[in-house]
Amino acid sequence: MSSGGSGRQSLTEINVTPLVDVMLVLLIIFMVTAPLIQQGVEVNLPDARAKAVEAQEQKLVLSIKSDKSLWLGTTEDAAHVPYDELEDKLRANSRAQKEHELYLMADKTLPYGFVVDVMATVQRAGIVNVGMITNPAPERVKPEREARRR
């Protein structure tokens, strides 16, 4: 005895081909645009040979452009801060006061004394941990004579 019906079972399968096509297109878009995304304010950074720090979250960044303008915020939402208001803005920033940490991104053409003055202002505001953001330095080729000595 049959359970009724025409004896045919309906076949219900999901076609994943369009889903895979869309995901591949999105992957290609992200791969192309990811290198184009810049962090924060455009600053001509100096080169340095140092171990890279892994960032698990958005950090508080103070950017100093070549015209000595200051920008405070995370990499996505930096706001212009006048130099004479910097200490007050840092004291009022709950994240800076909670973490006592700030990353400094200064243009390499700035006078050393100006960067030191900004760092002193940051310290007066209660920030004790200051990290410097730089570009990775290219590997230098050792001269042949020095290589033979070792």
C-alpha atoms as a PDB file:
ATOM      1  CA  MET A   1       0.000   0.000   0.000  1.00  0.00           C
ATOM      2  CA  SER A   2       1.377   3.347  -0.869  1.00  0.00           C
ATOM      3  CA  SER A   3       1.236   6.285   1.462  1.00  0.00           C
ATOM      4  CA  GLY A   4      -0.611   8.398  -1.023  1.00  0.00           C
ATOM      5  CA  GLY A   5       0.771  10.822  -3.521  1.00  0.00           C
ATOM      6  CA  SER A   6       2.094  10.216  -6.954  1.00  0.00           C
ATOM      7  CA  GLY A   7       5.098   8.172  -5.915  1.00  0.00           C
ATOM      8  CA  ARG A   8       7.598  10.897  -6.787  1.00  0.00           C
ATOM      9  CA  GLN A   9       9.835  12.424  -4.197  1.00  0.00           C
ATOM     10  CA  SER A  10      10.693  16.055  -4.604  1.00  0.00           C
ATOM     11  CA  LEU A  11      14.373  16.732  -4.801  1.00  0.00           C
ATOM     12  CA  THR A  12      15.372  19.767  -2.747  1.00  0.00           C
ATOM     13  CA  GLU A  13      18.973  20.770  -3.188  1.00  0.00           C
ATOM     14  CA  ILE A  14      20.468  24.194  -2.833  1.00  0.00           C
ATOM     15  CA  ASN A  15      22.493  25.386  -5.775  1.00  0.00           C
ATOM     16  CA  VAL A  16      25.680  26.825  -4.212  1.00  0.00           C
ATOM     17  CA  THR A  17      27.283  27.933  -7.472  1.00  0.00           C
ATOM     18  CA  PRO A  18      25.884  31.500  -7.333  1.00  0.00           C
ATOM     19  CA  LEU A  19      26.942  31.767  -3.689  1.00  0.00           C
ATOM     20  CA  VAL A  20      30.496  30.691  -4.515  1.00  0.00           C
ATOM     21  CA  ASP A  21      30.593  33.160  -7.418  1.00  0.00           C
ATOM     22  CA  VAL A  22      29.563  36.054  -5.167  1.00  0.00           C
ATOM     23  CA  MET A  23      32.051  35.059  -2.469  1.00  0.00           C
ATOM     24  CA  LEU A  24      34.919  34.895  -4.973  1.00  0.00           C
ATOM     25  CA  VAL A  25      34.045  38.338  -6.325  1.00  0.00           C
ATOM     26  CA  LEU A  26      33.973  39.752  -2.777  1.00  0.00           C
ATOM     27  CA  LEU A  27      37.296  38.090  -1.989  1.00  0.00           C
ATOM     28  CA  ILE A  28      38.912  39.638  -5.063  1.00  0.00           C
ATOM     29  CA  ILE A  29      37.499  43.074  -4.204  1.00  0.00           C
ATOM     30  CA  PHE A  30      38.884  42.895  -0.656  1.00  0.00           C
ATOM     31  CA  MET A  31      42.258  41.647  -1.864  1.00  0.00           C
ATOM     32  CA  VAL A  32      42.548  44.555  -4.292  1.00  0.00           C
ATOM     33  CA  THR A  33      41.350  47.279  -1.907  1.00  0.00           C
ATOM     34  CA  ALA A  34      43.124  46.149   1.289  1.00  0.00           C
ATOM     35  CA  PRO A  35      46.581  47.435   0.251  1.00  0.00           C
ATOM     36  CA  LEU A  36      45.036  50.767  -0.728  1.00  0.00           C
ATOM     37  CA  ILE A  37      43.689  51.456   2.752  1.00  0.00           C
ATOM     38  CA  GLN A  38      45.985  53.816   4.651  1.00  0.00           C
ATOM     39  CA  GLN A  39      46.159  54.220   8.377  1.00  0.00           C
ATOM     40  CA  GLY A  40      45.042  57.524   9.772  1.00  0.00           C
ATOM     41  CA  VAL A  41      46.387  60.814   8.500  1.00  0.00           C
ATOM     42  CA  GLU A  42      48.839  60.794   5.600  1.00  0.00           C
ATOM     43  CA  VAL A  43      52.297  61.176   7.127  1.00  0.00           C
ATOM     44  CA  ASN A  44      55.709  60.614   5.529  1.00  0.00           C
ATOM     45  CA  LEU A  45      57.076  58.135   8.080  1.00  0.00           C
ATOM     46  CA  PRO A  46      60.756  57.485   8.753  1.00  0.00           C
ATOM     47  CA  ASP A  47      62.221  54.022   8.197  1.00  0.00           C
ATOM     48  CA  ALA A  48      63.354  51.877  11.116  1.00  0.00           C
ATOM     49  CA  ARG A  49      64.467  48.303  11.607  1.00  0.00           C
ATOM     50  CA  ALA A  50      62.337  47.069  14.479  1.00  0.00           C
ATOM     51  CA  LYS A  51      60.108  44.131  15.214  1.00  0.00           C
ATOM     52  CA  ALA A  52      56.507  44.763  14.141  1.00  0.00           C
ATOM     53  CA  VAL A  53      53.845  44.938  16.825  1.00  0.00           C
ATOM     54  CA  GLU A  54      50.687  42.953  16.205  1.00  0.00           C
ATOM     55  CA  ALA A  55      47.587  45.106  16.643  1.00  0.00           C
ATOM     56  CA  GLN A  56      44.569  43.188  17.901  1.00  0.00           C
ATOM     57  CA  GLU A  57      42.395  46.305  18.128  1.00  0.00           C
ATOM     58  CA  GLN A  58      42.294  49.932  17.104  1.00  0.00           C
ATOM     59  CA  LYS A  59      44.848  51.902  19.097  1.00  0.00           C
ATOM     60  CA  LEU A  60      44.870  55.592  19.962  1.00  0.00           C
ATOM     61  CA  VAL A  61      47.179  57.370  17.499  1.00  0.00           C
ATOM     62  CA  LEU A  62      48.592  60.901  17.556  1.00  0.00           C
ATOM     63  CA  SER A  63      49.642  61.876  14.027  1.00  0.00           C
ATOM     64  CA  ILE A  64      51.884  64.871  13.320  1.00  0.00           C
ATOM     65  CA  LYS A  65      51.905  66.031   9.703  1.00  0.00           C
ATOM     66  CA  SER A  66      54.767  67.899   8.052  1.00  0.00           C
ATOM     67  CA  ASP A  67      52.957  71.218   8.634  1.00  0.00           C
ATOM     68  CA  LYS A  68      53.036  70.474  12.414  1.00  0.00           C
ATOM     69  CA  SER A  69      49.283  69.871  12.569  1.00  0.00           C
ATOM     70  CA  LEU A  70      48.216  67.300  15.172  1.00  0.00           C
ATOM     71  CA  TRP A  71      45.544  64.648  14.626  1.00  0.00           C
ATOM     72  CA  LEU A  72      44.258  62.481  17.492  1.00  0.00           C
ATOM     73  CA  GLY A  73      42.107  59.355  17.289  1.00  0.00           C
ATOM     74  CA  THR A  74      42.131  55.828  15.984  1.00  0.00           C
ATOM     75  CA  THR A  75      43.259  55.065  12.464  1.00  0.00           C
ATOM     76  CA  GLU A  76      39.750  55.639  11.091  1.00  0.00           C
ATOM     77  CA  ASP A  77      38.494  58.666  13.018  1.00  0.00           C
ATOM     78  CA  ALA A  78      41.343  61.096  13.647  1.00  0.00           C
ATOM     79  CA  ALA A  79      40.359  64.673  14.535  1.00  0.00           C
ATOM     80  CA  HIS A  80      42.486  67.824  14.293  1.00  0.00           C
ATOM     81  CA  VAL A  81      43.781  69.058  17.667  1.00  0.00           C
ATOM     82  CA  PRO A  82      45.509  72.441  18.117  1.00  0.00           C
ATOM     83  CA  TYR A  83      48.919  72.094  19.814  1.00  0.00           C
ATOM     84  CA  ASP A  84      47.927  74.267  22.795  1.00  0.00           C
ATOM     85  CA  GLU A  85      44.859  72.053  23.462  1.00  0.00           C
ATOM     86  CA  LEU A  86      46.651  68.694  23.157  1.00  0.00           C
ATOM     87  CA  GLU A  87      47.274  68.134  26.874  1.00  0.00           C
ATOM     88  CA  ASP A  88      43.656  68.971  27.782  1.00  0.00           C
ATOM     89  CA  LYS A  89      42.292  66.731  25.004  1.00  0.00           C
ATOM     90  CA  LEU A  90      44.452  63.817  26.183  1.00  0.00           C
ATOM     91  CA  ARG A  91      43.381  64.325  29.808  1.00  0.00           C
ATOM     92  CA  ALA A  92      39.733  64.369  28.673  1.00  0.00           C
ATOM     93  CA  ASN A  93      40.144  61.255  26.513  1.00  0.00           C
ATOM     94  CA  SER A  94      38.841  58.352  28.608  1.00  0.00           C
ATOM     95  CA  ARG A  95      40.634  55.753  26.501  1.00  0.00           C
ATOM     96  CA  ALA A  96      44.001  57.487  26.908  1.00  0.00           C
ATOM     97  CA  GLN A  97      43.537  57.806  30.662  1.00  0.00           C
ATOM     98  CA  LYS A  98      42.398  54.195  31.021  1.00  0.00           C
ATOM     99  CA  GLU A  99      45.125  52.581  28.904  1.00  0.00           C
ATOM    100  CA  HIS A 100      47.915  55.172  29.457  1.00  0.00           C
ATOM    101  CA  GLU A 101      49.048  54.226  25.952  1.00  0.00           C
ATOM    102  CA  LEU A 102      49.404  56.168  22.705  1.00  0.00           C
ATOM    103  CA  TYR A 103      51.069  55.584  19.348  1.00  0.00           C
ATOM    104  CA  LEU A 104      52.922  58.509  17.764  1.00  0.00           C
ATOM    105  CA  MET A 105      53.102  58.804  13.981  1.00  0.00           C
ATOM    106  CA  ALA A 106      55.322  61.783  13.064  1.00  0.00           C
ATOM    107  CA  ASP A 107      56.435  62.945   9.632  1.00  0.00           C
ATOM    108  CA  LYS A 108      60.160  62.338   9.110  1.00  0.00           C
ATOM    109  CA  THR A 109      60.739  65.922   7.932  1.00  0.00           C
ATOM    110  CA  LEU A 110      59.676  67.409  11.290  1.00  0.00           C
ATOM    111  CA  PRO A 111      62.322  68.974  13.540  1.00  0.00           C
ATOM    112  CA  TYR A 112      63.392  66.605  16.312  1.00  0.00           C
ATOM    113  CA  GLY A 113      62.751  69.284  18.945  1.00  0.00           C
ATOM    114  CA  PHE A 114      59.098  69.646  17.949  1.00  0.00           C
ATOM    115  CA  VAL A 115      58.479  65.899  18.236  1.00  0.00           C
ATOM    116  CA  VAL A 116      60.175  65.885  21.659  1.00  0.00           C
ATOM    117  CA  ASP A 117      57.949  68.795  22.779  1.00  0.00           C
ATOM    118  CA  VAL A 118      54.856  66.858  21.696  1.00  0.00           C
ATOM    119  CA  MET A 119      56.091  63.755  23.551  1.00  0.00           C
ATOM    120  CA  ALA A 120      56.647  65.851  26.697  1.00  0.00           C
ATOM    121  CA  THR A 121      53.091  67.183  26.413  1.00  0.00           C
ATOM    122  CA  VAL A 122      51.801  63.620  26.067  1.00  0.00           C
ATOM    123  CA  GLN A 123      53.728  62.621  29.198  1.00  0.00           C
ATOM    124  CA  ARG A 124      52.339  65.596  31.161  1.00  0.00           C
ATOM    125  CA  ALA A 125      48.850  64.401  30.214  1.00  0.00           C
ATOM    126  CA  GLY A 126      49.510  61.110  32.017  1.00  0.00           C
ATOM    127  CA  ILE A 127      50.348  58.882  29.052  1.00  0.00           C
ATOM    128  CA  VAL A 128      53.332  56.764  30.075  1.00  0.00           C
ATOM    129  CA  ASN A 129      53.542  54.293  27.164  1.00  0.00           C
ATOM    130  CA  VAL A 130      54.302  55.912  23.812  1.00  0.00           C
ATOM    131  CA  GLY A 131      54.929  53.773  20.745  1.00  0.00           C
ATOM    132  CA  MET A 132      56.506  55.132  17.563  1.00  0.00           C
ATOM    133  CA  ILE A 133      55.000  54.134  14.213  1.00  0.00           C
ATOM    134  CA  THR A 134      57.562  53.846  11.399  1.00  0.00           C
ATOM    135  CA  ASN A 135      57.931  52.218   8.012  1.00  0.00           C
ATOM    136  CA  PRO A 136      59.972  49.017   7.918  1.00  0.00           C
ATOM    137  CA  ALA A 137      63.491  49.780   6.696  1.00  0.00           C
ATOM    138  CA  PRO A 138      64.713  47.952   3.616  1.00  0.00           C
ATOM    139  CA  GLU A 139      67.328  45.302   4.253  1.00  0.00           C
ATOM    140  CA  ARG A 140      70.840  46.615   3.720  1.00  0.00           C
ATOM    141  CA  VAL A 141      73.310  44.546   1.765  1.00  0.00           C
ATOM    142  CA  LYS A 142      76.538  44.075   3.689  1.00  0.00           C
ATOM    143  CA  PRO A 143      79.694  45.148   1.911  1.00  0.00           C
ATOM    144  CA  GLU A 144      81.778  42.223   0.676  1.00  0.00           C
ATOM    145  CA  ARG A 145      84.720  43.110   2.920  1.00  0.00           C
ATOM    146  CA  GLU A 146      82.568  43.147   6.060  1.00  0.00           C
ATOM    147  CA  ALA A 147      80.963  39.838   5.095  1.00  0.00           C
ATOM    148  CA  ARG A 148      84.403  38.196   4.816  1.00  0.00           C
ATOM    149  CA  ARG A 149      85.365  39.363   8.310  1.00  0.00           C
ATOM    150  CA  ARG A 150      82.534  37.425   9.901  1.00  0.00           C
END
